[in-house]
């Protein structure tokens, strides 16, 4: 639900995503399966039980993705990694295993989404039952990959971590011809500190792209998603793990199944509390409105035919008579009947002009 953010909707797995709709919550399994297909399947089921709308995986080939000059990020080194290719080789799943996981998502009733990191894998992923694609933050500037994935005609979610506003605008221009695109604000830090969460960046992304926006959450907190929904997120992405203390690059910035369930509940509660993106009179307010608003009231006994003067009126509860906002309209009108002091004025008390052509 987008508040302060004007953006269109898109459709993902048959769900309408955007302003006025419940947030679409993606459980990012990523590489938290540690290269084990059985563990990945368990995480699909954990995502469904936690209430996620979708589960997302990463399709990559370490040799395809990493040149001989590739280096580790600081957070990866801090968690014991020594060689970038070795790190990813230990975490990659073969495409056929990922295709089976996409099918498992469909079977249990959540939307399968995949991030493809290299162009040769796009055609493979296209033949599998992925219902949407995502591009990782580093690939916001990867024109060949963005072009290849967008050409598939399936919904595409684009992450923008570590990008400048100019790079976001550039990506939006490249993707302008394509439908069902959303952009996610993201802080590429694992985990991201509260003072670096930058949730408000969604507003500028929406203004730049003209698309639905969301938040890819790398904080370690269960309430960040709810805050992002209140700030305008239509989509949330959050890492799911079996154990936050497990060895591996993303576990520490993830939530375990119980925490993820709480995350989903808080985000959905935030969406319910935000309501529609408009100011409306609600049915639950009508009783208090009638009781506590104030009406125009006769300040003294007023006879039939009396020309109402300002001093003839006061303003008191309840709000069941002529509204106090119409004070200037009623002054100068004649009464159609006598009104006792301290009684609210109603429409029937006023001698309204007879419309032309209407029988008296």
Protein backbone atom coordinates (compact mmCIF):
# COMPACT_ATOMS: atom_id res chain seq x y z
CA UNK A 1 0.00 0.00 0.00
CA UNK A 2 1.59 3.19 -1.16
CA UNK A 3 1.21 6.27 1.01
CA UNK A 4 2.81 9.40 -0.34
CA UNK A 5 3.84 7.22 -3.28
CA UNK A 6 1.89 7.28 -6.53
CA UNK A 7 2.57 4.13 -8.51
CA UNK A 8 0.63 1.70 -10.70
CA UNK A 9 -0.07 -1.92 -9.93
CA UNK A 10 1.32 -5.10 -11.44
CA UNK A 11 0.27 -8.74 -11.38
CA UNK A 12 2.46 -11.46 -9.86
CA UNK A 13 1.19 -15.02 -9.80
CA UNK A 14 -2.38 -13.81 -10.21
CA UNK A 15 -2.07 -11.35 -7.33
CA UNK A 16 -2.56 -7.63 -7.91
CA UNK A 17 0.34 -5.82 -6.27
CA UNK A 18 0.33 -2.09 -5.60
CA UNK A 19 -1.47 0.73 -3.83
CA UNK A 20 -4.62 -0.36 -2.01
CA UNK A 21 -3.62 -4.03 -1.93
CA UNK A 22 -2.05 -6.17 0.78
CA UNK A 23 1.76 -6.25 0.59
CA UNK A 24 3.26 -9.03 -1.50
CA UNK A 25 5.79 -10.76 0.76
CA UNK A 26 8.71 -12.68 -0.74
CA UNK A 27 10.67 -15.18 1.34
CA UNK A 28 14.19 -14.92 -0.08
CA UNK A 29 15.64 -18.40 0.33
CA UNK A 30 18.55 -17.43 -1.90
CA UNK A 31 21.54 -19.54 -0.91
CA UNK A 32 20.39 -20.28 2.63
CA UNK A 33 19.85 -23.90 1.55
CA UNK A 34 23.67 -24.25 1.70
CA UNK A 35 23.63 -26.11 -1.61
CA UNK A 36 21.29 -28.83 -0.31
CA UNK A 37 18.09 -29.37 -2.39
CA UNK A 38 16.37 -31.13 0.51
CA UNK A 39 17.00 -28.16 2.80
CA UNK A 40 15.77 -25.83 0.06
CA UNK A 41 12.53 -27.81 -0.11
CA UNK A 42 12.14 -27.55 3.67
CA UNK A 43 12.54 -23.78 3.42
CA UNK A 44 9.80 -23.63 0.74
CA UNK A 45 7.44 -25.29 3.19
CA UNK A 46 8.62 -23.01 6.00
CA UNK A 47 7.89 -19.99 3.80
CA UNK A 48 4.38 -21.22 3.12
CA UNK A 49 3.70 -21.91 6.80
CA UNK A 50 4.98 -18.45 7.73
CA UNK A 51 2.47 -16.84 5.38
CA UNK A 52 4.78 -15.66 2.59
CA UNK A 53 3.24 -15.05 -0.83
CA UNK A 54 6.34 -16.19 -2.69
CA UNK A 55 9.64 -18.00 -2.31
CA UNK A 56 12.66 -16.80 -4.25
CA UNK A 57 15.79 -18.65 -5.32
CA UNK A 58 19.00 -17.70 -7.10
CA UNK A 59 20.12 -19.39 -10.31
CA UNK A 60 23.83 -18.93 -10.94
CA UNK A 61 26.94 -20.75 -12.05
CA UNK A 62 30.05 -19.67 -10.17
CA UNK A 63 32.35 -20.07 -13.18
CA UNK A 64 29.88 -18.15 -15.36
CA UNK A 65 29.47 -15.36 -12.83
CA UNK A 66 32.98 -14.90 -11.42
CA UNK A 67 36.07 -13.93 -13.39
CA UNK A 68 39.55 -14.80 -12.12
CA UNK A 69 39.72 -11.26 -10.74
CA UNK A 70 36.61 -11.65 -8.57
CA UNK A 71 36.93 -10.69 -4.90
CA UNK A 72 34.95 -11.27 -1.72
CA UNK A 73 32.84 -8.64 0.00
CA UNK A 74 33.95 -7.70 3.50
CA UNK A 75 30.95 -9.38 5.15
CA UNK A 76 31.75 -12.60 3.28
CA UNK A 77 35.37 -12.53 4.49
CA UNK A 78 34.17 -11.89 8.04
CA UNK A 79 32.12 -15.09 7.85
CA UNK A 80 35.08 -17.21 6.91
CA UNK A 81 35.05 -17.27 3.11
CA UNK A 82 38.45 -17.37 1.43
CA UNK A 83 37.75 -17.63 -2.31
CA UNK A 84 34.71 -16.15 -4.11
CA UNK A 85 34.36 -18.97 -6.64
CA UNK A 86 34.65 -21.63 -3.98
CA UNK A 87 32.08 -19.82 -1.86
CA UNK A 88 29.49 -19.79 -4.64
CA UNK A 89 30.29 -23.26 -5.94
CA UNK A 90 29.43 -24.66 -2.53
CA UNK A 91 26.08 -22.83 -2.55
CA UNK A 92 24.85 -23.28 -6.11
CA UNK A 93 22.06 -25.66 -7.06
CA UNK A 94 21.86 -27.17 -10.54
CA UNK A 95 19.15 -25.70 -12.77
CA UNK A 96 17.16 -28.93 -12.78
CA UNK A 97 16.99 -28.92 -8.97
CA UNK A 98 15.86 -25.29 -9.02
CA UNK A 99 13.16 -26.14 -11.56
CA UNK A 100 11.87 -28.85 -9.22
CA UNK A 101 11.79 -26.31 -6.38
CA UNK A 102 9.74 -23.96 -8.55
CA UNK A 103 7.29 -26.79 -9.09
CA UNK A 104 7.18 -27.47 -5.36
CA UNK A 105 6.27 -23.83 -4.73
CA UNK A 106 3.38 -24.12 -7.16
CA UNK A 107 2.28 -27.38 -5.54
CA UNK A 108 2.10 -25.88 -2.03
CA UNK A 109 0.47 -22.67 -3.21
CA UNK A 110 3.14 -19.96 -3.17
CA UNK A 111 4.60 -18.05 -6.10
CA UNK A 112 8.03 -19.24 -7.31
CA UNK A 113 10.46 -16.42 -8.19
CA UNK A 114 14.02 -16.71 -9.38
CA UNK A 115 16.97 -14.36 -9.73
CA UNK A 116 19.05 -15.29 -12.76
CA UNK A 117 22.61 -13.95 -12.74
CA UNK A 118 23.90 -14.86 -16.22
CA UNK A 119 22.35 -14.63 -19.68
CA UNK A 120 22.98 -18.29 -20.65
CA UNK A 121 20.76 -19.34 -17.73
CA UNK A 122 17.82 -17.14 -18.76
CA UNK A 123 16.61 -19.56 -21.44
CA UNK A 124 16.84 -22.47 -18.99
CA UNK A 125 14.85 -20.60 -16.35
CA UNK A 126 12.26 -19.56 -18.93
CA UNK A 127 11.45 -23.23 -19.59
CA UNK A 128 10.75 -23.81 -15.88
CA UNK A 129 7.58 -22.87 -13.92
CA UNK A 130 8.91 -19.62 -12.46
CA UNK A 131 6.01 -17.16 -12.26
CA UNK A 132 8.19 -14.07 -11.88
CA UNK A 133 11.82 -13.04 -12.18
CA UNK A 134 13.99 -10.74 -10.11
CA UNK A 135 17.26 -9.03 -10.83
CA UNK A 136 19.78 -8.54 -8.04
CA UNK A 137 20.96 -5.08 -7.07
CA UNK A 138 24.36 -5.34 -8.83
CA UNK A 139 22.56 -6.05 -12.11
CA UNK A 140 20.62 -2.79 -12.18
CA UNK A 141 23.34 -1.59 -14.56
CA UNK A 142 23.62 -4.89 -16.47
CA UNK A 143 21.83 -3.87 -19.66
CA UNK A 144 22.22 -7.23 -21.50
CA UNK A 145 20.81 -9.19 -18.55
CA UNK A 146 17.95 -6.76 -17.86
CA UNK A 147 17.02 -6.82 -21.53
CA UNK A 148 17.08 -10.63 -21.65
CA UNK A 149 14.98 -11.14 -18.51
CA UNK A 150 12.47 -8.40 -19.35
CA UNK A 151 11.95 -9.88 -22.83
CA UNK A 152 10.47 -13.02 -21.24
CA UNK A 153 7.24 -11.14 -20.63
CA UNK A 154 6.88 -12.31 -17.05
CA UNK A 155 6.66 -9.99 -14.02
CA UNK A 156 10.05 -8.56 -13.09
CA UNK A 157 11.14 -7.17 -9.73
CA UNK A 158 14.27 -5.00 -9.88
CA UNK A 159 16.38 -4.38 -6.80
CA UNK A 160 18.34 -1.12 -6.50
CA UNK A 161 20.83 -1.63 -3.66
CA UNK A 162 24.12 0.31 -3.93
CA UNK A 163 22.72 2.32 -6.85
CA UNK A 164 22.54 6.06 -7.46
CA UNK A 165 19.35 7.83 -8.47
CA UNK A 166 20.85 8.30 -11.92
CA UNK A 167 21.35 4.53 -12.25
CA UNK A 168 17.76 3.90 -11.13
CA UNK A 169 16.53 6.34 -13.77
CA UNK A 170 18.70 4.65 -16.39
CA UNK A 171 17.30 1.22 -15.52
CA UNK A 172 13.76 2.58 -15.64
CA UNK A 173 14.38 3.95 -19.15
CA UNK A 174 15.71 0.60 -20.34
CA UNK A 175 12.66 -1.21 -18.97
CA UNK A 176 10.09 1.42 -19.98
CA UNK A 177 8.48 -0.66 -22.78
CA UNK A 178 7.81 -3.61 -20.48
CA UNK A 179 4.75 -4.19 -18.28
CA UNK A 180 4.58 -5.66 -14.78
CA UNK A 181 7.81 -4.16 -13.46
CA UNK A 182 8.45 -3.15 -9.84
CA UNK A 183 11.50 -1.58 -8.20
CA UNK A 184 12.73 -2.31 -4.68
CA UNK A 185 14.63 0.06 -2.43
CA UNK A 186 17.49 -1.85 -0.83
CA UNK A 187 20.56 -1.29 1.30
CA UNK A 188 23.35 -3.62 0.17
CA UNK A 189 24.73 -4.35 3.62
CA UNK A 190 24.35 -7.65 5.48
CA UNK A 191 22.82 -7.06 7.95
CA UNK A 192 21.91 -3.41 7.46
CA UNK A 193 21.91 -1.17 10.55
CA UNK A 194 18.74 0.72 11.39
CA UNK A 195 20.36 4.05 10.53
CA UNK A 196 21.24 2.68 7.09
CA UNK A 197 17.86 1.09 6.29
CA UNK A 198 16.86 4.08 4.09
CA UNK A 199 13.24 2.94 3.72
CA UNK A 200 12.22 6.42 2.60
CA UNK A 201 14.21 5.98 -0.60
CA UNK A 202 11.14 4.22 -2.01
CA UNK A 203 9.49 7.59 -2.51
CA UNK A 204 12.19 8.86 -4.85
CA UNK A 205 12.32 5.53 -6.67
CA UNK A 206 8.57 5.74 -7.29
CA UNK A 207 8.91 9.30 -8.56
CA UNK A 208 11.81 8.35 -10.84
CA UNK A 209 10.39 5.11 -12.24
CA UNK A 210 6.62 5.59 -12.19
CA UNK A 211 6.36 1.95 -11.10
CA UNK A 212 5.16 0.05 -8.04
CA UNK A 213 7.80 0.04 -5.31
CA UNK A 214 8.81 -2.12 -2.39
CA UNK A 215 11.58 -2.83 0.05
CA UNK A 216 14.24 -5.53 0.01
CA UNK A 217 14.98 -5.86 3.70
CA UNK A 218 18.50 -6.68 4.92
CA UNK A 219 17.98 -5.54 8.50
CA UNK A 220 17.95 -8.06 11.33
CA UNK A 221 14.59 -6.94 12.77
CA UNK A 222 11.12 -8.47 12.56
CA UNK A 223 9.33 -5.11 12.47
CA UNK A 224 11.13 -3.50 9.52
CA UNK A 225 8.63 -4.85 7.03
CA UNK A 226 5.73 -3.26 8.92
CA UNK A 227 7.57 0.06 8.92
CA UNK A 228 8.22 -0.25 5.19
CA UNK A 229 4.54 -1.01 4.52
CA UNK A 230 3.57 2.10 6.49
CA UNK A 231 6.07 4.05 4.38
CA UNK A 232 4.61 2.80 1.09
CA UNK A 233 5.98 -0.65 0.26
CA UNK A 234 3.79 -2.80 -1.99
CA UNK A 235 6.37 -5.61 -1.99
CA UNK A 236 8.59 -6.90 0.80
CA UNK A 237 11.54 -9.22 0.35
CA UNK A 238 13.17 -10.80 3.39
CA UNK A 239 15.73 -13.60 3.74
CA UNK A 240 14.49 -16.80 5.37
CA UNK A 241 16.86 -19.27 7.01
CA UNK A 242 16.70 -22.42 9.09
CA UNK A 243 19.28 -20.99 11.53
CA UNK A 244 20.58 -17.42 11.80
CA UNK A 245 23.78 -18.71 13.32
CA UNK A 246 24.60 -21.09 10.47
CA UNK A 247 27.78 -20.66 8.46
CA UNK A 248 27.23 -18.89 5.17
CA UNK A 249 27.02 -15.38 3.73
CA UNK A 250 23.32 -14.56 4.27
CA UNK A 251 22.14 -16.37 7.41
CA UNK A 252 22.96 -13.50 9.78
CA UNK A 253 20.79 -11.05 7.78
CA UNK A 254 17.91 -13.54 7.65
CA UNK A 255 15.02 -14.53 9.91
CA UNK A 256 14.30 -18.04 11.13
CA UNK A 257 10.82 -19.51 10.40
CA UNK A 258 9.23 -18.29 13.65
CA UNK A 259 10.67 -14.81 13.22
CA UNK A 260 9.59 -14.76 9.58
CA UNK A 261 6.02 -15.64 10.59
CA UNK A 262 6.05 -12.72 13.03
CA UNK A 263 7.47 -10.50 10.26
CA UNK A 264 4.57 -11.43 7.97
CA UNK A 265 1.97 -10.87 10.69
CA UNK A 266 3.38 -7.44 11.56
CA UNK A 267 3.52 -6.38 7.91
CA UNK A 268 -0.04 -7.47 7.26
CA UNK A 269 -1.22 -5.74 10.43
CA UNK A 270 0.49 -2.56 9.25
CA UNK A 271 -1.33 -2.85 5.93
CA UNK A 272 -4.69 -3.30 7.67
CA UNK A 273 -3.99 -0.30 9.88
CA UNK A 274 -3.01 1.87 6.91
CA UNK A 275 -6.25 1.06 5.07
CA UNK A 276 -7.11 2.64 1.73
CA UNK A 277 -4.81 5.36 0.36
CA UNK A 278 -7.51 8.01 0.75
CA UNK A 279 -9.28 9.97 3.48
CA UNK A 280 -12.78 8.54 3.91
CA UNK A 281 -15.59 8.57 6.46
CA UNK A 282 -15.69 5.06 7.90
CA UNK A 283 -18.83 3.27 9.04
CA UNK A 284 -17.34 2.82 12.53
CA UNK A 285 -17.10 6.61 12.87
CA UNK A 286 -20.73 7.46 12.10
CA UNK A 287 -22.11 7.09 15.62
CA UNK A 288 -19.42 9.25 17.22
CA UNK A 289 -19.73 11.75 14.35
CA UNK A 290 -23.47 12.17 14.99
CA UNK A 291 -23.06 12.44 18.76
CA UNK A 292 -20.01 14.68 19.01
CA UNK A 293 -20.31 17.03 16.06
CA UNK A 294 -22.19 20.28 16.66
CA UNK A 295 -25.25 21.70 14.94
CA UNK A 296 -26.85 25.11 14.65
CA UNK A 297 -29.14 25.57 17.69
CA UNK A 298 -31.76 28.23 18.46
CA UNK A 299 -30.30 30.63 21.04
CA UNK A 300 -33.84 31.75 22.01
CA UNK A 301 -37.44 30.96 21.07
CA UNK A 302 -37.77 31.82 17.37
CA UNK A 303 -41.24 32.37 15.86
CA UNK A 304 -42.60 31.21 12.50
CA UNK A 305 -41.36 33.46 9.66
CA UNK A 306 -38.53 34.91 11.74
CA UNK A 307 -35.56 36.24 9.74
CA UNK A 308 -32.57 34.46 11.28
CA UNK A 309 -29.84 36.75 12.64
CA UNK A 310 -26.37 35.74 13.90
CA UNK A 311 -27.38 36.33 17.52
CA UNK A 312 -30.31 33.89 17.09
CA UNK A 313 -27.92 30.98 16.70
CA UNK A 314 -25.46 29.07 18.84
CA UNK A 315 -23.55 25.88 18.16
CA UNK A 316 -24.04 22.75 20.28
CA UNK A 317 -24.06 18.97 20.13
CA UNK A 318 -25.33 16.69 18.66
CA UNK A 319 -24.46 16.79 14.97
CA UNK A 320 -27.90 15.64 13.83
CA UNK A 321 -29.15 19.05 12.74
CA UNK A 322 -27.91 21.63 10.26
CA UNK A 323 -24.10 21.54 10.40
CA UNK A 324 -22.26 24.46 12.01
CA UNK A 325 -20.34 24.84 8.76
CA UNK A 326 -23.53 26.29 7.20
CA UNK A 327 -23.79 29.19 9.66
CA UNK A 328 -23.46 31.89 6.96
CA UNK A 329 -25.96 30.09 4.72
CA UNK A 330 -28.69 30.01 7.40
CA UNK A 331 -28.28 33.62 8.58
CA UNK A 332 -30.75 35.70 6.56
CA UNK A 333 -33.18 32.81 5.95
CA UNK A 334 -36.74 32.80 7.28
CA UNK A 335 -38.13 30.04 9.46
CA UNK A 336 -40.78 27.74 8.05
CA UNK A 337 -41.96 27.02 11.58
CA UNK A 338 -41.32 28.12 15.15
CA UNK A 339 -38.24 26.72 16.89
CA UNK A 340 -37.93 26.51 20.67
CA UNK A 341 -34.79 27.72 22.42
CA UNK A 342 -31.98 25.14 22.73
CA UNK A 343 -33.35 22.98 19.89
CA UNK A 344 -31.22 22.02 16.87
CA UNK A 345 -32.27 23.47 13.54
CA UNK A 346 -33.19 21.01 10.79
CA UNK A 347 -33.78 21.41 7.06
CA UNK A 348 -37.53 21.41 7.71
CA UNK A 349 -37.21 24.48 9.94
CA UNK A 350 -35.99 26.68 7.08
CA UNK A 351 -38.23 28.32 4.45
CA UNK A 352 -36.24 27.36 1.36
CA UNK A 353 -36.97 29.12 -1.93
CA UNK A 354 -39.31 27.21 -4.25
CA UNK A 355 -37.57 26.20 -7.46
CA UNK A 356 -38.94 27.71 -10.69
CA UNK A 357 -41.64 25.53 -12.23
CA UNK A 358 -42.28 23.67 -8.99
CA UNK A 359 -45.76 23.67 -7.48
CA UNK A 360 -45.89 25.39 -4.09
